Amino acid sequence: MAVIEITQANFEETVLKNPKKVLLDFWAPWCGPCRMVAPIVDEIAEENENIQVGKVNVDEEAPLAIQFGVASIPTLIVMDGGEVAAKVIGYRPKADLLKALGL
């Protein structure tokens, strides 16, 4: 499944009302560790049709970053039923992200 850019405008529909688990990747273009984790996030999106993956650019969507208490990037948050189910901060290997997703 394709990775979606998450914004304030599509957040409620794409994340909160989504029947699937949602993996949110809070990132910024200037962040080295964010660039390291991006291919892993893309792989997870391609390999798991039952998960929606979204990326939140913290420079452009600061209110969403504040809402989720993102103080360090990358921060990956798993949403399930509109609630935070897991949070992973910093670069982590794929296995750690799959574990957070319950896979």
Protein backbone atom coordinates (compact mmCIF):
# COMPACT_ATOMS: atom_id res chain seq x y z
CA MET A 1 0.00 0.00 0.00
CA ALA A 2 1.26 3.46 -0.80
CA VAL A 3 2.61 5.77 1.87
CA ILE A 4 0.33 8.79 2.41
CA GLU A 5 1.42 12.29 3.39
CA ILE A 6 -0.49 13.11 6.58
CA THR A 7 -1.65 16.69 7.14
CA GLN A 8 -4.06 18.42 9.50
CA ALA A 9 -6.58 18.37 6.65
CA ASN A 10 -6.58 14.57 6.15
CA PHE A 11 -5.60 13.42 9.66
CA GLU A 12 -9.07 12.63 11.01
CA GLU A 13 -10.19 10.65 7.95
CA THR A 14 -6.86 8.92 7.24
CA VAL A 15 -5.78 8.15 10.80
CA LEU A 16 -8.54 8.47 13.39
CA LYS A 17 -11.33 6.92 11.33
CA ASN A 18 -9.17 4.30 9.63
CA PRO A 19 -10.23 0.71 10.44
CA LYS A 20 -6.64 -0.45 9.83
CA LYS A 21 -3.65 0.05 12.07
CA VAL A 22 -1.80 3.20 11.03
CA LEU A 23 1.96 3.67 11.26
CA LEU A 24 2.81 7.38 11.48
CA ASP A 25 6.37 8.40 10.66
CA PHE A 26 7.16 11.85 12.09
CA TRP A 27 10.16 13.09 10.10
CA ALA A 28 11.92 16.06 8.49
CA PRO A 29 13.95 16.29 5.26
CA TRP A 30 17.06 17.53 7.10
CA CYS A 31 17.05 14.61 9.60
CA GLY A 32 19.72 11.96 8.90
CA PRO A 33 18.17 9.17 11.00
CA CYS A 34 14.80 9.93 9.34
CA ARG A 35 16.38 9.26 5.94
CA MET A 36 17.81 6.00 7.32
CA VAL A 37 14.45 4.73 8.55
CA ALA A 38 12.46 5.89 5.48
CA PRO A 39 13.28 2.84 3.29
CA ILE A 40 12.23 0.53 6.15
CA VAL A 41 8.92 2.38 6.53
CA ASP A 42 8.40 2.15 2.76
CA GLU A 43 9.09 -1.61 2.85
CA ILE A 44 6.56 -2.10 5.64
CA ALA A 45 3.97 -0.19 3.58
CA GLU A 46 4.63 -2.35 0.50
CA GLU A 47 4.64 -5.66 2.37
CA ASN A 48 1.56 -5.13 4.59
CA GLU A 49 -1.72 -4.34 2.86
CA ASN A 50 -3.52 -4.43 6.22
CA ILE A 51 -1.58 -1.42 7.56
CA GLN A 52 -1.87 2.22 6.45
CA VAL A 53 1.45 4.05 6.55
CA GLY A 54 1.59 7.83 6.73
CA LYS A 55 4.42 10.33 6.94
CA VAL A 56 4.14 13.57 8.89
CA ASN A 57 6.67 16.27 7.99
CA VAL A 58 7.18 17.98 11.37
CA ASP A 59 8.35 21.21 9.71
CA GLU A 60 5.08 21.53 7.78
CA GLU A 61 2.71 19.94 10.32
CA ALA A 62 4.02 21.19 13.67
CA PRO A 63 0.57 21.06 15.35
CA LEU A 64 0.38 17.29 14.73
CA ALA A 65 3.89 16.82 16.14
CA ILE A 66 2.90 18.82 19.23
CA GLN A 67 -0.36 16.87 19.60
CA PHE A 68 1.63 13.61 19.78
CA GLY A 69 4.41 14.99 21.98
CA VAL A 70 7.08 14.48 19.34
CA ALA A 71 10.28 15.93 20.77
CA SER A 72 12.76 13.88 18.75
CA ILE A 73 12.67 12.56 15.21
CA PRO A 74 12.20 10.11 13.76
CA THR A 75 9.28 9.14 15.96
CA LEU A 76 7.07 6.33 14.73
CA ILE A 77 3.64 5.95 16.28
CA VAL A 78 1.27 3.04 15.80
CA MET A 79 -2.39 4.04 15.91
CA ASP A 80 -5.08 1.40 16.39
CA GLY A 81 -8.73 2.39 16.55
CA GLY A 82 -7.78 6.07 16.76
CA GLU A 83 -5.61 5.48 19.86
CA VAL A 84 -1.82 5.36 20.29
CA ALA A 85 -0.87 1.68 20.54
CA ALA A 86 2.94 2.00 20.40
CA LYS A 87 5.67 4.61 20.03
CA VAL A 88 9.20 4.09 18.73
CA ILE A 89 11.70 6.95 18.95
CA GLY A 90 14.86 7.14 16.87
CA TYR A 91 16.24 4.81 14.24
CA ARG A 92 15.30 1.19 14.86
CA PRO A 93 15.71 -1.92 12.72
CA LYS A 94 12.76 -3.27 10.78
CA ALA A 95 12.15 -6.06 13.32
CA ASP A 96 11.54 -3.49 16.07
CA LEU A 97 8.98 -1.63 13.95
CA LEU A 98 7.20 -4.87 13.02
CA LYS A 99 7.07 -5.81 16.72
CA ALA A 100 5.52 -2.41 17.56
CA LEU A 101 2.91 -3.10 14.87
CA GLY A 102 2.20 -6.53 16.35
CA LEU A 103 3.55 -8.36 13.29
